[in-house]
């Protein structure tokens, strides 16, 4: 059993892309949970919160401390390889933070 932090891009100008990314986070979270892992998925948590309260931000600036706190207690960061992953500020920040903490970063293909 590993404690896994899921990293994937979220923000986008098209709400359908955001919804797709949210569904991917749920799909991968469910798969990993069924394999017996502990999963930290900020997109799975954050997406409903941004819809519930307009004060909850959807960008890296808002979620940075939250994500870094979860990375701190993770064994590994899985970076889900979907469109936008290479240009995402949040994903880049999570990868960099994990590297500074010596936490393994793995590309995860769906």
Protein backbone atom coordinates (compact mmCIF):
# COMPACT_ATOMS: atom_id res chain seq x y z
CA UNK A 1 0.00 0.00 0.00
CA UNK A 2 1.32 3.40 -1.03
CA UNK A 3 0.14 6.89 -0.22
CA UNK A 4 -0.22 8.44 -3.67
CA UNK A 5 -0.71 12.10 -4.58
CA UNK A 6 -2.47 12.51 -7.95
CA UNK A 7 -1.26 15.36 -10.08
CA UNK A 8 -3.07 16.42 -13.24
CA UNK A 9 -3.98 19.67 -14.95
CA UNK A 10 -7.31 21.21 -13.94
CA UNK A 11 -7.84 24.84 -14.99
CA UNK A 12 -8.99 25.51 -18.55
CA UNK A 13 -11.12 28.06 -20.40
CA UNK A 14 -13.50 25.30 -21.57
CA UNK A 15 -15.77 23.97 -18.78
CA UNK A 16 -16.07 20.64 -20.60
CA UNK A 17 -12.29 20.14 -20.37
CA UNK A 18 -12.43 20.90 -16.64
CA UNK A 19 -15.24 18.38 -16.19
CA UNK A 20 -13.28 15.76 -18.15
CA UNK A 21 -10.22 16.31 -15.96
CA UNK A 22 -12.35 15.95 -12.85
CA UNK A 23 -13.79 12.66 -14.11
CA UNK A 24 -10.28 11.39 -14.91
CA UNK A 25 -9.23 12.19 -11.34
CA UNK A 26 -12.18 10.17 -10.02
CA UNK A 27 -11.50 7.25 -12.36
CA UNK A 28 -7.83 7.00 -11.42
CA UNK A 29 -8.59 7.51 -7.71
CA UNK A 30 -11.11 4.66 -7.75
CA UNK A 31 -8.68 2.35 -9.56
CA UNK A 32 -5.88 3.03 -7.10
CA UNK A 33 -8.17 2.73 -4.07
CA UNK A 34 -9.38 -0.64 -5.33
CA UNK A 35 -5.73 -1.69 -5.60
CA UNK A 36 -5.37 -0.92 -1.89
CA UNK A 37 -3.60 2.44 -2.02
CA UNK A 38 -4.33 5.65 -0.15
CA UNK A 39 -5.04 8.40 -2.69
CA UNK A 40 -4.78 12.16 -2.30
CA UNK A 41 -6.56 13.84 -5.22
CA UNK A 42 -6.89 17.62 -4.93
CA UNK A 43 -8.87 17.77 -8.19
CA UNK A 44 -11.41 15.27 -6.85
CA UNK A 45 -11.82 17.35 -3.69
CA UNK A 46 -11.47 20.80 -5.21
CA UNK A 47 -13.79 20.53 -8.19
CA UNK A 48 -17.03 20.20 -6.18
CA UNK A 49 -15.86 22.92 -3.78
CA UNK A 50 -15.29 25.40 -6.62
CA UNK A 51 -18.83 24.73 -7.82
CA UNK A 52 -20.30 25.10 -4.32
CA UNK A 53 -18.55 28.32 -3.33
CA UNK A 54 -17.29 30.93 -5.79
CA UNK A 55 -14.69 32.05 -3.23
CA UNK A 56 -12.86 28.73 -3.58
CA UNK A 57 -10.22 29.25 -6.24
CA UNK A 58 -9.37 26.81 -8.98
CA UNK A 59 -5.77 27.81 -9.65
CA UNK A 60 -2.37 26.81 -8.30
CA UNK A 61 -2.06 29.94 -6.16
CA UNK A 62 -5.16 28.99 -4.18
CA UNK A 63 -4.31 25.26 -3.82
CA UNK A 64 -0.50 25.41 -3.47
CA UNK A 65 -0.31 25.02 0.33
CA UNK A 66 -2.99 22.33 0.34
CA UNK A 67 -1.22 20.31 -2.35
CA UNK A 68 2.23 20.68 -0.82
CA UNK A 69 0.89 19.49 2.55
CA UNK A 70 -0.47 16.35 0.91
CA UNK A 71 2.71 15.77 -1.06
CA UNK A 72 4.62 15.95 2.25
CA UNK A 73 2.81 12.85 3.52
CA UNK A 74 2.82 10.96 0.21
CA UNK A 75 5.11 8.11 -0.79
CA UNK A 76 4.86 8.99 -4.46
CA UNK A 77 3.37 11.52 -6.87
CA UNK A 78 1.58 10.12 -9.91
CA UNK A 79 1.38 12.61 -12.78
CA UNK A 80 -1.56 11.66 -14.97
CA UNK A 81 -0.56 11.99 -18.60
CA UNK A 82 -3.43 13.86 -20.26
CA UNK A 83 -3.62 16.91 -22.53
CA UNK A 84 -2.28 20.00 -20.80
CA UNK A 85 0.00 18.18 -18.37
CA UNK A 86 3.19 19.69 -19.79
CA UNK A 87 1.92 23.27 -19.69
CA UNK A 88 0.14 23.15 -16.31
CA UNK A 89 1.58 25.56 -13.74
CA UNK A 90 0.13 23.49 -10.89
CA UNK A 91 1.50 20.17 -12.15
CA UNK A 92 4.90 21.77 -12.67
CA UNK A 93 4.81 23.18 -9.15
CA UNK A 94 3.83 19.81 -7.67
CA UNK A 95 6.62 18.01 -9.53
CA UNK A 96 9.18 20.58 -8.43
CA UNK A 97 8.00 20.47 -4.82
CA UNK A 98 8.09 16.66 -4.73
CA UNK A 99 11.61 16.69 -6.15
CA UNK A 100 12.81 19.09 -3.43
CA UNK A 101 11.38 16.70 -0.83
CA UNK A 102 12.90 13.59 -2.42
CA UNK A 103 9.49 12.13 -3.22
CA UNK A 104 9.34 9.89 -6.27
CA UNK A 105 7.43 11.27 -9.27
CA UNK A 106 5.95 8.78 -11.74
CA UNK A 107 4.19 9.38 -15.06
CA UNK A 108 0.79 7.65 -14.94
CA UNK A 109 -0.83 6.69 -18.24
CA UNK A 110 -4.55 6.11 -18.58
